[in-house]
């Protein structure tokens, strides 16, 4: 559902590094990346800020 893993890897970050920067556990980030958990909008905003992208770009299915 989200492109977090793809964009995180493009930035050269590990799950642990990103999780620490946004204040969540690596396990929770893994669950989000694998579609087992759904992050809040506040968390998506934090992730997009760290990955220097927009929340919209985190979505797997981009809107036209």
N, C-alpha and C. Protein backbone atom coordinates (compact mmCIF):
# COMPACT_ATOMS: atom_id res chain seq x y z
N UNK A 1 0.81 -1.19 0.00
CA UNK A 1 0.00 0.00 0.00
C UNK A 1 0.86 1.27 0.00
N UNK A 2 1.96 1.23 0.71
CA UNK A 2 2.83 2.41 0.77
C UNK A 2 4.19 2.11 0.12
N UNK A 3 4.86 3.15 -0.30
CA UNK A 3 6.17 3.03 -0.93
C UNK A 3 7.30 3.38 0.05
N UNK A 4 7.03 3.26 1.33
CA UNK A 4 7.99 3.67 2.35
C UNK A 4 9.30 2.91 2.21
N UNK A 5 9.22 1.61 2.07
CA UNK A 5 10.43 0.78 1.97
C UNK A 5 11.26 1.19 0.76
N UNK A 6 10.62 1.33 -0.37
CA UNK A 6 11.31 1.71 -1.61
C UNK A 6 12.02 3.06 -1.44
N UNK A 7 11.29 4.04 -0.93
CA UNK A 7 11.86 5.39 -0.79
C UNK A 7 12.93 5.44 0.30
N UNK A 8 12.73 4.66 1.36
CA UNK A 8 13.73 4.58 2.43
C UNK A 8 15.04 4.03 1.88
N UNK A 9 14.96 2.98 1.10
CA UNK A 9 16.16 2.38 0.52
C UNK A 9 16.84 3.34 -0.46
N UNK A 10 16.05 4.10 -1.23
CA UNK A 10 16.62 5.08 -2.15
C UNK A 10 17.43 6.13 -1.39
N UNK A 11 17.01 6.41 -0.15
CA UNK A 11 17.72 7.39 0.69
C UNK A 11 18.90 6.74 1.43
N UNK A 12 19.09 5.45 1.25
CA UNK A 12 20.20 4.75 1.88
C UNK A 12 20.03 4.56 3.38
N UNK A 13 18.79 4.47 3.83
CA UNK A 13 18.51 4.32 5.26
C UNK A 13 18.06 2.91 5.59
N UNK A 14 18.43 2.46 6.78
CA UNK A 14 17.92 1.18 7.28
C UNK A 14 16.60 1.43 7.99
N UNK A 15 15.88 0.35 8.25
CA UNK A 15 14.63 0.47 9.01
C UNK A 15 14.92 1.10 10.37
N UNK A 16 15.98 0.66 11.01
CA UNK A 16 16.32 1.16 12.35
C UNK A 16 16.59 2.66 12.31
N UNK A 17 17.33 3.11 11.33
CA UNK A 17 17.64 4.54 11.23
C UNK A 17 16.38 5.37 11.06
N UNK A 18 15.49 4.95 10.15
CA UNK A 18 14.27 5.70 9.93
C UNK A 18 13.37 5.65 11.17
N UNK A 19 13.24 4.48 11.75
CA UNK A 19 12.40 4.34 12.94
C UNK A 19 12.88 5.25 14.06
N UNK A 20 14.18 5.31 14.28
CA UNK A 20 14.72 6.16 15.33
C UNK A 20 14.45 7.64 15.04
N UNK A 21 14.57 8.03 13.80
CA UNK A 21 14.34 9.43 13.43
C UNK A 21 12.89 9.85 13.62
N UNK A 22 11.95 8.93 13.43
CA UNK A 22 10.54 9.29 13.57
C UNK A 22 9.95 8.88 14.91
N UNK A 23 10.74 8.20 15.74
CA UNK A 23 10.31 7.89 17.10
C UNK A 23 9.39 6.69 17.25
N UNK A 24 9.60 5.68 16.42
CA UNK A 24 8.83 4.44 16.55
C UNK A 24 9.82 3.27 16.58
N UNK A 25 9.31 2.08 16.88
CA UNK A 25 10.18 0.91 16.90
C UNK A 25 10.44 0.41 15.48
N UNK A 26 11.56 -0.27 15.30
CA UNK A 26 11.88 -0.86 14.01
C UNK A 26 10.82 -1.90 13.64
N UNK A 27 10.33 -2.61 14.64
CA UNK A 27 9.32 -3.64 14.40
C UNK A 27 8.02 -3.04 13.86
N UNK A 28 7.63 -1.89 14.42
CA UNK A 28 6.41 -1.23 13.94
C UNK A 28 6.61 -0.74 12.50
N UNK A 29 7.77 -0.16 12.22
CA UNK A 29 8.05 0.30 10.86
C UNK A 29 8.02 -0.88 9.89
N UNK A 30 8.57 -2.00 10.28
CA UNK A 30 8.55 -3.19 9.44
C UNK A 30 7.11 -3.61 9.14
N UNK A 31 6.26 -3.58 10.17
CA UNK A 31 4.86 -3.96 10.00
C UNK A 31 4.15 -3.00 9.04
N UNK A 32 4.48 -1.72 9.11
CA UNK A 32 3.89 -0.73 8.19
C UNK A 32 4.37 -1.00 6.77
N UNK A 33 5.68 -1.20 6.61
CA UNK A 33 6.23 -1.45 5.27
C UNK A 33 5.65 -2.70 4.63
N UNK A 34 5.31 -3.68 5.45
CA UNK A 34 4.79 -4.94 4.93
C UNK A 34 3.27 -5.01 4.88
N UNK A 35 2.61 -3.88 5.18
CA UNK A 35 1.16 -3.81 5.07
C UNK A 35 0.39 -4.44 6.20
N UNK A 36 1.05 -4.71 7.33
CA UNK A 36 0.36 -5.32 8.47
C UNK A 36 -0.22 -4.28 9.42
N UNK A 37 0.31 -3.08 9.36
CA UNK A 37 -0.17 -1.96 10.19
C UNK A 37 -0.38 -0.75 9.28
N UNK A 38 -1.27 0.12 9.69
CA UNK A 38 -1.55 1.33 8.92
C UNK A 38 -1.17 2.55 9.76
N UNK A 39 -0.24 3.36 9.27
CA UNK A 39 0.23 4.51 10.04
C UNK A 39 -0.78 5.65 10.06
N UNK A 40 -0.69 6.46 11.09
CA UNK A 40 -1.53 7.66 11.18
C UNK A 40 -1.03 8.69 10.17
N UNK A 41 -1.85 9.69 9.92
CA UNK A 41 -1.44 10.76 9.02
C UNK A 41 -0.24 11.49 9.61
N UNK A 42 -0.22 11.68 10.92
CA UNK A 42 0.91 12.36 11.56
C UNK A 42 2.21 11.59 11.32
N UNK A 43 2.14 10.27 11.39
CA UNK A 43 3.33 9.45 11.15
C UNK A 43 3.74 9.53 9.69
N UNK A 44 2.79 9.50 8.78
CA UNK A 44 3.11 9.63 7.36
C UNK A 44 3.78 10.96 7.06
N UNK A 45 3.34 12.01 7.73
CA UNK A 45 3.96 13.32 7.54
C UNK A 45 5.40 13.30 8.04
N UNK A 46 5.64 12.69 9.19
CA UNK A 46 7.01 12.58 9.72
C UNK A 46 7.90 11.80 8.75
N UNK A 47 7.37 10.68 8.25
CA UNK A 47 8.14 9.85 7.32
C UNK A 47 8.45 10.64 6.04
N UNK A 48 7.46 11.33 5.52
CA UNK A 48 7.68 12.08 4.28
C UNK A 48 8.70 13.19 4.49
N UNK A 49 8.68 13.83 5.66
CA UNK A 49 9.67 14.86 5.96
C UNK A 49 11.09 14.29 5.98
N UNK A 50 11.26 13.16 6.66
CA UNK A 50 12.58 12.54 6.77
C UNK A 50 13.08 12.06 5.40
N UNK A 51 12.17 11.50 4.60
CA UNK A 51 12.55 10.97 3.28
C UNK A 51 12.53 12.04 2.20
N UNK A 52 12.26 13.28 2.60
CA UNK A 52 12.24 14.43 1.68
C UNK A 52 11.33 14.17 0.48
N UNK A 53 10.10 13.79 0.79
CA UNK A 53 9.10 13.53 -0.23
C UNK A 53 7.75 14.01 0.29
N UNK A 54 6.70 13.80 -0.46
CA UNK A 54 5.37 14.17 0.00
C UNK A 54 4.62 12.92 0.47
N UNK A 55 3.59 13.13 1.26
CA UNK A 55 2.76 12.01 1.69
C UNK A 55 2.18 11.33 0.45
N UNK A 56 1.79 12.11 -0.51
CA UNK A 56 1.22 11.55 -1.74
C UNK A 56 2.21 10.59 -2.42
N UNK A 57 3.50 10.95 -2.41
CA UNK A 57 4.51 10.09 -3.03
C UNK A 57 4.73 8.80 -2.24
N UNK A 58 4.32 8.77 -0.98
CA UNK A 58 4.45 7.55 -0.19
C UNK A 58 3.40 6.51 -0.60
N UNK A 59 2.34 6.97 -1.25
CA UNK A 59 1.29 6.06 -1.66
C UNK A 59 1.75 5.23 -2.85
N UNK A 60 1.47 3.95 -2.79
CA UNK A 60 1.90 3.05 -3.86
C UNK A 60 1.18 3.36 -5.18
N UNK A 61 -0.11 3.55 -5.11
CA UNK A 61 -0.91 3.84 -6.30
C UNK A 61 -1.02 5.35 -6.43
N UNK A 62 -0.19 5.93 -7.27
CA UNK A 62 -0.22 7.36 -7.46
C UNK A 62 -1.48 7.77 -8.22
N UNK A 63 -2.04 8.89 -7.81
CA UNK A 63 -3.20 9.42 -8.50
C UNK A 63 -2.75 10.17 -9.75
N UNK A 64 -3.56 10.17 -10.76
CA UNK A 64 -3.21 10.83 -12.01
C UNK A 64 -3.13 12.32 -11.86
